[in-house]
């Protein structure tokens, strides 16, 4: 794990970790829920919401999104 600030939460889900969410004021849960809502409402993985794009976790999401080939799923 390269991010020192996340080492105390090693092998824990950011979404479900009580300690992580207490420390971050549920920031990741808010991000993940908004991201999910955006994807469902727009029916696309391409996010246009600038607020979501500014979140530190967006980069990880975007890298995963780019690896997906939706055409392979259908």
PDB file of N, CA and C in Angstrom:
ATOM      1  N   UNK A   1       0.854  -1.169   0.000  1.00  0.00           N
ATOM      2  CA  UNK A   1       0.000   0.000   0.000  1.00  0.00           C
ATOM      3  C   UNK A   1       0.905   1.240   0.000  1.00  0.00           C
ATOM      4  N   UNK A   2       0.701   2.095  -0.956  1.00  0.00           N
ATOM      5  CA  UNK A   2       1.585   3.249  -1.099  1.00  0.00           C
ATOM      6  C   UNK A   2       1.097   4.484  -0.349  1.00  0.00           C
ATOM      7  N   UNK A   3      -0.195   4.605  -0.152  1.00  0.00           N
ATOM      8  CA  UNK A   3      -0.736   5.778   0.538  1.00  0.00           C
ATOM      9  C   UNK A   3      -0.686   5.547   2.051  1.00  0.00           C
ATOM     10  N   UNK A   4       0.229   6.237   2.709  1.00  0.00           N
ATOM     11  CA  UNK A   4       0.435   6.064   4.156  1.00  0.00           C
ATOM     12  C   UNK A   4      -0.829   6.352   4.971  1.00  0.00           C
ATOM     13  N   UNK A   5      -1.628   7.305   4.514  1.00  0.00           N
ATOM     14  CA  UNK A   5      -2.819   7.673   5.279  1.00  0.00           C
ATOM     15  C   UNK A   5      -3.878   6.568   5.287  1.00  0.00           C
ATOM     16  N   UNK A   6      -3.789   5.646   4.328  1.00  0.00           N
ATOM     17  CA  UNK A   6      -4.772   4.568   4.256  1.00  0.00           C
ATOM     18  C   UNK A   6      -4.313   3.282   4.943  1.00  0.00           C
ATOM     19  N   UNK A   7      -3.062   3.227   5.378  1.00  0.00           N
ATOM     20  CA  UNK A   7      -2.556   2.006   6.001  1.00  0.00           C
ATOM     21  C   UNK A   7      -3.346   1.542   7.225  1.00  0.00           C
ATOM     22  N   UNK A   8      -3.866   2.435   8.054  1.00  0.00           N
ATOM     23  CA  UNK A   8      -4.667   1.952   9.190  1.00  0.00           C
ATOM     24  C   UNK A   8      -5.949   1.227   8.761  1.00  0.00           C
ATOM     25  N   UNK A   9      -6.345   1.404   7.522  1.00  0.00           N
ATOM     26  CA  UNK A   9      -7.587   0.813   7.034  1.00  0.00           C
ATOM     27  C   UNK A   9      -7.325  -0.329   6.059  1.00  0.00           C
ATOM     28  N   UNK A  10      -6.128  -0.851   6.097  1.00  0.00           N
ATOM     29  CA  UNK A  10      -5.725  -1.928   5.198  1.00  0.00           C
ATOM     30  C   UNK A  10      -6.731  -3.069   5.232  1.00  0.00           C
ATOM     31  N   UNK A  11      -7.137  -3.521   4.052  1.00  0.00           N
ATOM     32  CA  UNK A  11      -8.080  -4.637   3.871  1.00  0.00           C
ATOM     33  C   UNK A  11      -9.484  -4.323   4.391  1.00  0.00           C
ATOM     34  N   UNK A  12      -9.817  -3.059   4.415  1.00  0.00           N
ATOM     35  CA  UNK A  12     -11.163  -2.650   4.796  1.00  0.00           C
ATOM     36  C   UNK A  12     -11.800  -1.900   3.630  1.00  0.00           C
ATOM     37  N   UNK A  13     -13.073  -2.048   3.487  1.00  0.00           N
ATOM     38  CA  UNK A  13     -13.818  -1.325   2.476  1.00  0.00           C
ATOM     39  C   UNK A  13     -13.960   0.132   2.907  1.00  0.00           C
ATOM     40  N   UNK A  14     -13.631   1.055   2.015  1.00  0.00           N
ATOM     41  CA  UNK A  14     -13.830   2.473   2.330  1.00  0.00           C
ATOM     42  C   UNK A  14     -15.301   2.752   2.589  1.00  0.00           C
ATOM     43  N   UNK A  15     -16.158   2.047   1.903  1.00  0.00           N
ATOM     44  CA  UNK A  15     -17.594   2.295   2.023  1.00  0.00           C
ATOM     45  C   UNK A  15     -18.141   1.787   3.355  1.00  0.00           C
ATOM     46  N   UNK A  16     -17.677   0.643   3.817  1.00  0.00           N
ATOM     47  CA  UNK A  16     -18.259   0.030   5.007  1.00  0.00           C
ATOM     48  C   UNK A  16     -17.430   0.171   6.282  1.00  0.00           C
ATOM     49  N   UNK A  17     -16.217   0.687   6.195  1.00  0.00           N
ATOM     50  CA  UNK A  17     -15.361   0.814   7.376  1.00  0.00           C
ATOM     51  C   UNK A  17     -15.882   1.905   8.312  1.00  0.00           C
ATOM     52  N   UNK A  18     -16.257   1.507   9.508  1.00  0.00           N
ATOM     53  CA  UNK A  18     -16.763   2.481  10.483  1.00  0.00           C
ATOM     54  C   UNK A  18     -15.680   3.486  10.868  1.00  0.00           C
ATOM     55  N   UNK A  19     -14.467   3.009  11.088  1.00  0.00           N
ATOM     56  CA  UNK A  19     -13.374   3.908  11.476  1.00  0.00           C
ATOM     57  C   UNK A  19     -13.037   4.898  10.369  1.00  0.00           C
ATOM     58  N   UNK A  20     -12.917   4.401   9.140  1.00  0.00           N
ATOM     59  CA  UNK A  20     -12.582   5.268   8.019  1.00  0.00           C
ATOM     60  C   UNK A  20     -13.662   6.329   7.810  1.00  0.00           C
ATOM     61  N   UNK A  21     -14.910   5.921   7.879  1.00  0.00           N
ATOM     62  CA  UNK A  21     -16.001   6.867   7.646  1.00  0.00           C
ATOM     63  C   UNK A  21     -16.165   7.862   8.785  1.00  0.00           C
ATOM     64  N   UNK A  22     -15.845   7.442   9.977  1.00  0.00           N
ATOM     65  CA  UNK A  22     -15.875   8.386  11.103  1.00  0.00           C
ATOM     66  C   UNK A  22     -14.790   9.443  10.914  1.00  0.00           C
ATOM     67  N   UNK A  23     -13.612   8.995  10.517  1.00  0.00           N
ATOM     68  CA  UNK A  23     -12.474   9.905  10.332  1.00  0.00           C
ATOM     69  C   UNK A  23     -12.678  10.860   9.149  1.00  0.00           C
ATOM     70  N   UNK A  24     -13.341  10.397   8.103  1.00  0.00           N
ATOM     71  CA  UNK A  24     -13.503  11.218   6.891  1.00  0.00           C
ATOM     72  C   UNK A  24     -14.885  11.833   6.757  1.00  0.00           C
ATOM     73  N   UNK A  25     -15.695  11.731   7.802  1.00  0.00           N
ATOM     74  CA  UNK A  25     -17.057  12.283   7.783  1.00  0.00           C
ATOM     75  C   UNK A  25     -17.872  11.695   6.627  1.00  0.00           C
ATOM     76  N   UNK A  26     -17.690  10.415   6.395  1.00  0.00           N
ATOM     77  CA  UNK A  26     -18.400   9.657   5.359  1.00  0.00           C
ATOM     78  C   UNK A  26     -18.205  10.232   3.957  1.00  0.00           C
ATOM     79  N   UNK A  27     -17.053  10.812   3.709  1.00  0.00           N
ATOM     80  CA  UNK A  27     -16.772  11.427   2.412  1.00  0.00           C
ATOM     81  C   UNK A  27     -16.858  10.422   1.270  1.00  0.00           C
ATOM     82  N   UNK A  28     -16.287   9.225   1.452  1.00  0.00           N
ATOM     83  CA  UNK A  28     -16.310   8.246   0.371  1.00  0.00           C
ATOM     84  C   UNK A  28     -17.721   7.748   0.110  1.00  0.00           C
ATOM     85  N   UNK A  29     -18.509   7.541   1.152  1.00  0.00           N
ATOM     86  CA  UNK A  29     -19.897   7.091   0.977  1.00  0.00           C
ATOM     87  C   UNK A  29     -20.675   8.126   0.165  1.00  0.00           C
ATOM     88  N   UNK A  30     -20.492   9.383   0.495  1.00  0.00           N
ATOM     89  CA  UNK A  30     -21.184  10.455  -0.241  1.00  0.00           C
ATOM     90  C   UNK A  30     -20.773  10.451  -1.707  1.00  0.00           C
ATOM     91  N   UNK A  31     -19.459  10.305  -1.950  1.00  0.00           N
ATOM     92  CA  UNK A  31     -18.954  10.255  -3.324  1.00  0.00           C
ATOM     93  C   UNK A  31     -19.530   9.053  -4.072  1.00  0.00           C
ATOM     94  N   UNK A  32     -19.447   7.882  -3.466  1.00  0.00           N
ATOM     95  CA  UNK A  32     -19.902   6.658  -4.129  1.00  0.00           C
ATOM     96  C   UNK A  32     -21.401   6.699  -4.415  1.00  0.00           C
ATOM     97  N   UNK A  33     -22.174   7.209  -3.488  1.00  0.00           N
ATOM     98  CA  UNK A  33     -23.619   7.297  -3.696  1.00  0.00           C
ATOM     99  C   UNK A  33     -23.964   8.293  -4.804  1.00  0.00           C
ATOM    100  N   UNK A  34     -23.281   9.436  -4.832  1.00  0.00           N
ATOM    101  CA  UNK A  34     -23.521  10.424  -5.897  1.00  0.00           C
ATOM    102  C   UNK A  34     -23.097   9.865  -7.256  1.00  0.00           C
ATOM    103  N   UNK A  35     -21.973   9.153  -7.270  1.00  0.00           N
ATOM    104  CA  UNK A  35     -21.486   8.551  -8.510  1.00  0.00           C
ATOM    105  C   UNK A  35     -22.481   7.518  -9.025  1.00  0.00           C
ATOM    106  N   UNK A  36     -22.971   6.676  -8.156  1.00  0.00           N
ATOM    107  CA  UNK A  36     -23.958   5.663  -8.538  1.00  0.00           C
ATOM    108  C   UNK A  36     -25.221   6.314  -9.089  1.00  0.00           C
ATOM    109  N   UNK A  37     -25.689   7.344  -8.423  1.00  0.00           N
ATOM    110  CA  UNK A  37     -26.890   8.051  -8.874  1.00  0.00           C
ATOM    111  C   UNK A  37     -26.669   8.670 -10.258  1.00  0.00           C
ATOM    112  N   UNK A  38     -25.503   9.267 -10.450  1.00  0.00           N
ATOM    113  CA  UNK A  38     -25.164   9.886 -11.736  1.00  0.00           C
ATOM    114  C   UNK A  38     -25.150   8.845 -12.856  1.00  0.00           C
ATOM    115  N   UNK A  39     -24.556   7.695 -12.595  1.00  0.00           N
ATOM    116  CA  UNK A  39     -24.484   6.622 -13.591  1.00  0.00           C
ATOM    117  C   UNK A  39     -25.884   6.117 -13.924  1.00  0.00           C
ATOM    118  N   UNK A  40     -26.697   5.881 -12.909  1.00  0.00           N
ATOM    119  CA  UNK A  40     -28.050   5.378 -13.137  1.00  0.00           C
ATOM    120  C   UNK A  40     -28.915   6.391 -13.887  1.00  0.00           C
ATOM    121  N   UNK A  41     -28.851   7.640 -13.461  1.00  0.00           N
ATOM    122  CA  UNK A  41     -29.701   8.667 -14.089  1.00  0.00           C
ATOM    123  C   UNK A  41     -29.349   8.904 -15.552  1.00  0.00           C
ATOM    124  N   UNK A  42     -28.056   8.861 -15.862  1.00  0.00           N
ATOM    125  CA  UNK A  42     -27.607   9.159 -17.223  1.00  0.00           C
ATOM    126  C   UNK A  42     -27.359   7.915 -18.063  1.00  0.00           C
ATOM    127  N   UNK A  43     -27.417   6.736 -17.437  1.00  0.00           N
ATOM    128  CA  UNK A  43     -27.216   5.468 -18.133  1.00  0.00           C
ATOM    129  C   UNK A  43     -25.897   5.437 -18.916  1.00  0.00           C
ATOM    130  N   UNK A  44     -24.861   5.981 -18.285  1.00  0.00           N
ATOM    131  CA  UNK A  44     -23.535   5.965 -18.889  1.00  0.00           C
ATOM    132  C   UNK A  44     -22.481   5.998 -17.786  1.00  0.00           C
ATOM    133  N   UNK A  45     -21.321   5.433 -18.099  1.00  0.00           N
ATOM    134  CA  UNK A  45     -20.209   5.489 -17.156  1.00  0.00           C
ATOM    135  C   UNK A  45     -19.401   6.776 -17.323  1.00  0.00           C
ATOM    136  N   UNK A  46     -19.659   7.519 -18.393  1.00  0.00           N
ATOM    137  CA  UNK A  46     -18.992   8.799 -18.617  1.00  0.00           C
ATOM    138  C   UNK A  46     -19.638   9.851 -17.721  1.00  0.00           C
ATOM    139  N   UNK A  47     -18.859  10.423 -16.851  1.00  0.00           N
ATOM    140  CA  UNK A  47     -19.368  11.365 -15.859  1.00  0.00           C
ATOM    141  C   UNK A  47     -19.082  12.794 -16.304  1.00  0.00           C
ATOM    142  N   UNK A  48     -20.115  13.627 -16.303  1.00  0.00           N
ATOM    143  CA  UNK A  48     -19.972  15.031 -16.681  1.00  0.00           C
ATOM    144  C   UNK A  48     -19.989  15.945 -15.455  1.00  0.00           C
ATOM    145  N   UNK A  49     -20.325  15.413 -14.302  1.00  0.00           N
ATOM    146  CA  UNK A  49     -20.454  16.188 -13.069  1.00  0.00           C
ATOM    147  C   UNK A  49     -19.073  16.615 -12.562  1.00  0.00           C
ATOM    148  N   UNK A  50     -18.788  17.906 -12.597  1.00  0.00           N
ATOM    149  CA  UNK A  50     -17.473  18.407 -12.191  1.00  0.00           C
ATOM    150  C   UNK A  50     -17.202  18.235 -10.705  1.00  0.00           C
ATOM    151  N   UNK A  51     -18.239  18.260  -9.897  1.00  0.00           N
ATOM    152  CA  UNK A  51     -18.061  18.038  -8.458  1.00  0.00           C
ATOM    153  C   UNK A  51     -17.502  16.640  -8.211  1.00  0.00           C
ATOM    154  N   UNK A  52     -18.039  15.648  -8.889  1.00  0.00           N
ATOM    155  CA  UNK A  52     -17.542  14.281  -8.749  1.00  0.00           C
ATOM    156  C   UNK A  52     -16.120  14.154  -9.293  1.00  0.00           C
ATOM    157  N   UNK A  53     -15.845  14.829 -10.384  1.00  0.00           N
ATOM    158  CA  UNK A  53     -14.516  14.749 -11.000  1.00  0.00           C
ATOM    159  C   UNK A  53     -13.423  15.324 -10.101  1.00  0.00           C
ATOM    160  N   UNK A  54     -13.763  16.206  -9.202  1.00  0.00           N
ATOM    161  CA  UNK A  54     -12.784  16.824  -8.303  1.00  0.00           C
ATOM    162  C   UNK A  54     -12.452  15.943  -7.105  1.00  0.00           C
ATOM    163  N   UNK A  55     -13.270  14.943  -6.854  1.00  0.00           N
ATOM    164  CA  UNK A  55     -13.051  14.082  -5.689  1.00  0.00           C
ATOM    165  C   UNK A  55     -11.797  13.228  -5.903  1.00  0.00           C
ATOM    166  N   UNK A  56     -10.985  13.034  -4.865  1.00  0.00           N
ATOM    167  CA  UNK A  56      -9.755  12.237  -5.006  1.00  0.00           C
ATOM    168  C   UNK A  56     -10.000  10.800  -5.493  1.00  0.00           C
ATOM    169  N   UNK A  57     -11.140  10.226  -5.212  1.00  0.00           N
ATOM    170  CA  UNK A  57     -11.429   8.853  -5.638  1.00  0.00           C
ATOM    171  C   UNK A  57     -11.878   8.767  -7.091  1.00  0.00           C
ATOM    172  N   UNK A  58     -12.147   9.887  -7.714  1.00  0.00           N
ATOM    173  CA  UNK A  58     -12.612   9.866  -9.098  1.00  0.00           C
ATOM    174  C   UNK A  58     -11.546   9.304 -10.037  1.00  0.00           C
ATOM    175  N   UNK A  59     -10.303   9.607  -9.782  1.00  0.00           N
ATOM    176  CA  UNK A  59      -9.229   9.125 -10.652  1.00  0.00           C
ATOM    177  C   UNK A  59      -9.224   7.599 -10.713  1.00  0.00           C
ATOM    178  N   UNK A  60      -9.389   6.958  -9.578  1.00  0.00           N
ATOM    179  CA  UNK A  60      -9.438   5.501  -9.542  1.00  0.00           C
ATOM    180  C   UNK A  60     -10.642   4.994 -10.321  1.00  0.00           C
ATOM    181  N   UNK A  61     -11.801   5.608 -10.094  1.00  0.00           N
ATOM    182  CA  UNK A  61     -13.001   5.233 -10.840  1.00  0.00           C
ATOM    183  C   UNK A  61     -12.768   5.372 -12.343  1.00  0.00           C
ATOM    184  N   UNK A  62     -12.199   6.484 -12.755  1.00  0.00           N
ATOM    185  CA  UNK A  62     -12.013   6.754 -14.179  1.00  0.00           C
ATOM    186  C   UNK A  62     -11.049   5.751 -14.816  1.00  0.00           C
ATOM    187  N   UNK A  63     -10.014   5.365 -14.101  1.00  0.00           N
ATOM    188  CA  UNK A  63      -9.085   4.361 -14.625  1.00  0.00           C
ATOM    189  C   UNK A  63      -9.793   3.023 -14.831  1.00  0.00           C
ATOM    190  N   UNK A  64     -10.647   2.647 -13.887  1.00  0.00           N
ATOM    191  CA  UNK A  64     -11.405   1.405 -14.024  1.00  0.00           C
ATOM    192  C   UNK A  64     -12.415   1.501 -15.165  1.00  0.00           C
ATOM    193  N   UNK A  65     -13.066   2.642 -15.274  1.00  0.00           N
ATOM    194  CA  UNK A  65     -14.041   2.859 -16.343  1.00  0.00           C
ATOM    195  C   UNK A  65     -13.388   2.710 -17.710  1.00  0.00           C
ATOM    196  N   UNK A  66     -12.192   3.238 -17.855  1.00  0.00           N
ATOM    197  CA  UNK A  66     -11.488   3.174 -19.135  1.00  0.00           C
ATOM    198  C   UNK A  66     -11.095   1.744 -19.495  1.00  0.00           C
ATOM    199  N   UNK A  67     -10.906   0.907 -18.496  1.00  0.00           N
ATOM    200  CA  UNK A  67     -10.537  -0.492 -18.746  1.00  0.00           C
ATOM    201  C   UNK A  67     -11.735  -1.328 -19.189  1.00  0.00           C
ATOM    202  N   UNK A  68     -12.937  -0.862 -18.869  1.00  0.00           N
ATOM    203  CA  UNK A  68     -14.135  -1.599 -19.255  1.00  0.00           C
ATOM    204  C   UNK A  68     -14.432  -1.373 -20.732  1.00  0.00           C
ATOM    205  N   UNK A  69     -14.787  -2.436 -21.394  1.00  0.00           N
ATOM    206  CA  UNK A  69     -15.248  -2.318 -22.768  1.00  0.00           C
ATOM    207  C   UNK A  69     -16.700  -2.758 -22.768  1.00  0.00           C
ATOM    208  N   UNK A  70     -17.596  -1.811 -22.742  1.00  0.00           N
ATOM    209  CA  UNK A  70     -19.022  -2.094 -22.633  1.00  0.00           C
ATOM    210  C   UNK A  70     -19.493  -3.006 -23.777  1.00  0.00           C
ATOM    211  N   UNK A  71     -18.876  -2.888 -24.934  1.00  0.00           N
ATOM    212  CA  UNK A  71     -19.284  -3.719 -26.064  1.00  0.00           C
ATOM    213  C   UNK A  71     -19.066  -5.215 -25.791  1.00  0.00           C
ATOM    214  N   UNK A  72     -18.104  -5.546 -24.943  1.00  0.00           N
ATOM    215  CA  UNK A  72     -17.869  -6.940 -24.603  1.00  0.00           C
ATOM    216  C   UNK A  72     -18.966  -7.487 -23.699  1.00  0.00           C
ATOM    217  N   UNK A  73     -19.565  -6.612 -22.912  1.00  0.00           N
ATOM    218  CA  UNK A  73     -20.620  -7.039 -21.985  1.00  0.00           C
ATOM    219  C   UNK A  73     -21.885  -7.391 -22.747  1.00  0.00           C
ATOM    220  N   UNK A  74     -22.225  -6.614 -23.754  1.00  0.00           N
ATOM    221  CA  UNK A  74     -23.454  -6.824 -24.510  1.00  0.00           C
ATOM    222  C   UNK A  74     -23.138  -7.695 -25.665  1.00  0.00           C
TER     223      UNK A  74
END
